[in-house]
Amino acid sequence: MKRIVIFASGSGTNAENLIKFFHNRENASVIQVLTNNPHAKVLDRAKKLKVSALSFNKIALSETDDVLNILKAAKPDLIILAGFLWKFPENILNVFPNKVINVHPALLPNYGGKGMYGMNVHQAIVNNKEKETGITIHYVNEHYDEGAIIFQVKCDVSAEDTAEDVAAKIHTLEMEHFPKVVDALLNTDS
């Protein structure tokens, strides 16, 4: 049984979707959710779904080995960043090489980097009158949104779309594709 740990910072809809997708599966399960936000809705979602959930601060993640030690104890086969907004520390990436992935709400390498998340991305797409956008699932490295791309899928953006419309399209793509890509990744990594 493959073990998945999810990092999230906010609402946790992607985390919930992943937990439900892998619930009662024989090949993998989400064993823990970690968040940098003690008020994040993802904590409530994890609790309702009976998945261990913890919050931590920046010191625990970046200045000590506290979060690293939690991960070592959990022994994850895959660490998923699902709406996690902080830069992921190199000490964790070094211990779990090619085991950390992220979903980004745009077609990387466009609209990536520091500050490019959530509505910031969607507003930039609208402001630049892009004709399409999508999601990118990629490995995480020491730079924001620069790891090797695993999967991309596109959707159209119309001239009338608002940033909220784009966000809804991206959310639909994430809900449909993210669990399937994670599942395929875990099955090829046997």
Protein backbone atom coordinates (compact mmCIF):
# COMPACT_ATOMS: atom_id res chain seq x y z
CA MET A 1 0.00 0.00 0.00
CA LYS A 2 1.48 3.33 -1.12
CA ARG A 3 1.37 6.13 1.44
CA ILE A 4 0.43 9.72 0.48
CA VAL A 5 0.97 12.88 2.54
CA ILE A 6 -0.72 16.09 1.38
CA PHE A 7 0.40 19.65 2.13
CA ALA A 8 -2.26 22.36 1.77
CA SER A 9 -2.69 25.96 2.91
CA GLY A 10 -6.37 26.73 2.47
CA SER A 11 -9.76 25.27 1.73
CA GLY A 12 -8.50 21.83 0.83
CA THR A 13 -10.86 20.85 -1.99
CA ASN A 14 -8.02 19.11 -3.84
CA ALA A 15 -6.94 17.36 -0.65
CA GLU A 16 -10.51 16.20 0.00
CA ASN A 17 -10.84 14.98 -3.58
CA LEU A 18 -7.60 12.99 -3.28
CA ILE A 19 -8.58 11.51 0.10
CA LYS A 20 -11.94 10.39 -1.27
CA PHE A 21 -10.39 9.03 -4.47
CA PHE A 22 -7.94 6.84 -2.55
CA HIS A 23 -10.37 5.85 0.22
CA ASN A 24 -10.79 2.05 0.27
CA ARG A 25 -8.30 1.66 -2.59
CA GLU A 26 -5.93 -1.27 -2.44
CA ASN A 27 -2.93 0.47 -3.97
CA ALA A 28 -2.67 3.73 -1.97
CA SER A 29 -4.20 5.94 0.70
CA VAL A 30 -3.77 9.44 2.06
CA ILE A 31 -2.34 8.95 5.53
CA GLN A 32 -1.78 12.56 6.61
CA VAL A 33 -2.54 16.19 5.80
CA LEU A 34 -0.13 18.93 6.86
CA THR A 35 -0.82 22.66 6.72
CA ASN A 36 0.97 25.90 7.48
CA ASN A 37 -2.37 27.54 8.36
CA PRO A 38 -3.91 26.57 11.72
CA HIS A 39 -7.26 27.99 10.54
CA ALA A 40 -7.29 26.25 7.14
CA LYS A 41 -10.52 24.50 6.18
CA VAL A 42 -8.41 21.55 5.04
CA LEU A 43 -8.04 20.59 8.73
CA ASP A 44 -11.81 20.21 9.08
CA ARG A 45 -12.05 18.30 5.80
CA ALA A 46 -9.34 15.85 6.90
CA LYS A 47 -10.94 15.38 10.31
CA LYS A 48 -14.34 14.59 8.75
CA LEU A 49 -12.66 12.04 6.49
CA LYS A 50 -10.73 10.52 9.43
CA VAL A 51 -7.27 11.45 8.15
CA SER A 52 -4.58 12.68 10.55
CA ALA A 53 -4.04 16.44 10.13
CA LEU A 54 -1.47 18.74 11.70
CA SER A 55 -0.53 22.39 11.37
CA PHE A 56 3.00 23.76 11.65
CA ASN A 57 4.74 27.12 11.50
CA LYS A 58 7.56 28.42 9.30
CA ILE A 59 10.22 27.56 11.91
CA ALA A 60 9.09 23.90 12.00
CA LEU A 61 9.24 23.71 8.19
CA SER A 62 12.29 25.74 7.26
CA GLU A 63 14.50 26.32 10.28
CA THR A 64 14.31 22.96 12.07
CA ASP A 65 13.79 19.34 11.05
CA ASP A 66 10.40 19.11 12.80
CA VAL A 67 8.32 18.68 9.61
CA LEU A 68 11.03 16.54 8.04
CA ASN A 69 10.92 14.23 11.06
CA ILE A 70 7.11 13.98 10.80
CA LEU A 71 7.55 12.93 7.17
CA LYS A 72 10.30 10.44 7.98
CA ALA A 73 7.98 8.83 10.55
CA ALA A 74 5.10 8.76 8.02
CA LYS A 75 7.28 7.14 5.34
CA PRO A 76 5.34 8.58 2.37
CA ASP A 77 5.75 7.19 -1.11
CA LEU A 78 4.48 10.50 -2.46
CA ILE A 79 4.17 14.02 -1.02
CA ILE A 80 1.55 16.14 -2.76
CA LEU A 81 1.38 19.93 -2.61
CA ALA A 82 -2.27 20.79 -3.19
CA GLY A 83 -2.64 24.51 -2.75
CA PHE A 84 0.41 24.78 -0.49
CA LEU A 85 1.70 28.33 -0.76
CA TRP A 86 5.14 28.25 0.88
CA LYS A 87 8.34 27.35 -0.90
CA PHE A 88 9.15 23.73 -0.14
CA PRO A 89 12.44 23.35 1.75
CA GLU A 90 15.48 21.66 0.24
CA ASN A 91 16.12 19.51 3.32
CA ILE A 92 12.83 17.67 2.64
CA LEU A 93 13.42 17.52 -1.13
CA ASN A 94 16.85 15.99 -0.50
CA VAL A 95 15.40 13.21 1.68
CA PHE A 96 12.46 12.58 -0.70
CA PRO A 97 13.93 13.09 -4.20
CA ASN A 98 11.34 12.86 -6.99
CA LYS A 99 8.65 12.14 -4.39
CA VAL A 100 7.16 15.66 -4.12
CA ILE A 101 4.65 16.90 -6.71
CA ASN A 102 2.52 20.01 -7.08
CA VAL A 103 -0.53 21.05 -9.06
CA HIS A 104 -0.25 24.52 -10.58
CA PRO A 105 -3.28 26.44 -11.97
CA ALA A 106 -1.68 27.39 -15.29
CA LEU A 107 0.29 25.93 -18.16
CA LEU A 108 3.87 26.14 -16.93
CA PRO A 109 6.34 27.60 -17.63
CA ASN A 110 3.87 30.47 -18.13
CA TYR A 111 2.36 32.10 -15.04
CA GLY A 112 4.66 30.36 -12.59
CA GLY A 113 6.98 31.61 -9.89
CA LYS A 114 6.75 33.42 -6.59
CA GLY A 115 3.35 35.03 -6.03
CA MET A 116 1.73 33.18 -8.92
CA TYR A 117 -0.98 31.15 -7.24
CA GLY A 118 -4.77 31.02 -7.13
CA MET A 119 -6.59 34.15 -8.19
CA ASN A 120 -3.30 35.94 -8.96
CA VAL A 121 -2.78 33.47 -11.81
CA HIS A 122 -6.38 33.60 -13.04
CA GLN A 123 -6.43 37.41 -13.04
CA ALA A 124 -3.16 37.50 -15.00
CA ILE A 125 -4.64 35.09 -17.57
CA VAL A 126 -7.67 37.36 -18.02
CA ASN A 127 -5.60 40.57 -18.02
CA ASN A 128 -3.33 39.18 -20.75
CA LYS A 129 -6.31 38.06 -22.82
CA GLU A 130 -5.04 34.48 -23.06
CA LYS A 131 -7.09 32.16 -25.27
CA GLU A 132 -6.31 29.07 -23.16
CA THR A 133 -5.03 28.03 -19.77
CA GLY A 134 -4.97 24.80 -17.84
CA ILE A 135 -3.25 22.90 -15.07
CA THR A 136 0.26 21.55 -14.72
CA ILE A 137 1.20 18.72 -12.41
CA HIS A 138 4.95 18.75 -11.86
CA TYR A 139 7.75 17.56 -9.62
CA VAL A 140 8.87 20.07 -7.02
CA ASN A 141 12.46 21.25 -6.94
CA GLU A 142 14.25 24.08 -5.12
CA HIS A 143 12.67 26.75 -7.39
CA TYR A 144 9.02 27.81 -7.60
CA ASP A 145 7.21 25.96 -10.40
CA GLU A 146 10.35 24.83 -12.23
CA GLY A 147 10.33 21.06 -11.62
CA ALA A 148 9.88 18.55 -14.43
CA ILE A 149 6.37 18.50 -15.86
CA ILE A 150 4.41 15.28 -15.36
CA PHE A 151 1.07 16.25 -16.95
CA GLN A 152 -0.75 19.21 -18.49
CA VAL A 153 -4.30 19.67 -19.68
CA LYS A 154 -5.78 22.76 -21.34
CA CYS A 155 -9.09 24.58 -21.40
CA ASP A 156 -10.33 27.51 -23.44
CA VAL A 157 -10.60 31.02 -22.08
CA SER A 158 -13.19 33.25 -23.73
CA ALA A 159 -12.97 37.03 -24.02
CA GLU A 160 -15.94 37.29 -21.62
CA ASP A 161 -14.41 35.10 -18.88
CA THR A 162 -13.66 36.72 -15.54
CA ALA A 163 -10.92 35.51 -13.21
CA GLU A 164 -13.66 33.69 -11.27
CA ASP A 165 -14.79 31.93 -14.47
CA VAL A 166 -11.21 30.84 -15.14
CA ALA A 167 -10.89 29.64 -11.53
CA ALA A 168 -14.00 27.48 -11.96
CA LYS A 169 -12.61 25.92 -15.16
CA ILE A 170 -9.28 25.19 -13.47
CA HIS A 171 -11.04 23.69 -10.44
CA THR A 172 -12.97 21.34 -12.73
CA LEU A 173 -9.72 20.23 -14.40
CA GLU A 174 -8.05 19.65 -11.02
CA MET A 175 -10.97 17.61 -9.69
CA GLU A 176 -11.04 15.41 -12.80
CA HIS A 177 -7.35 14.91 -13.53
CA PHE A 178 -5.28 15.32 -10.35
CA PRO A 179 -6.31 12.04 -8.63
CA LYS A 180 -5.92 10.05 -11.86
CA VAL A 181 -2.43 11.42 -12.49
CA VAL A 182 -1.41 10.68 -8.88
CA ASP A 183 -2.78 7.15 -9.22
CA ALA A 184 -0.91 6.57 -12.46
CA LEU A 185 2.29 7.98 -10.97
CA LEU A 186 2.04 5.66 -7.96
CA ASN A 187 1.39 2.66 -10.21
CA THR A 188 4.39 3.36 -12.46
CA ASP A 189 6.60 3.93 -9.42
CA SER A 190 6.11 0.38 -8.06
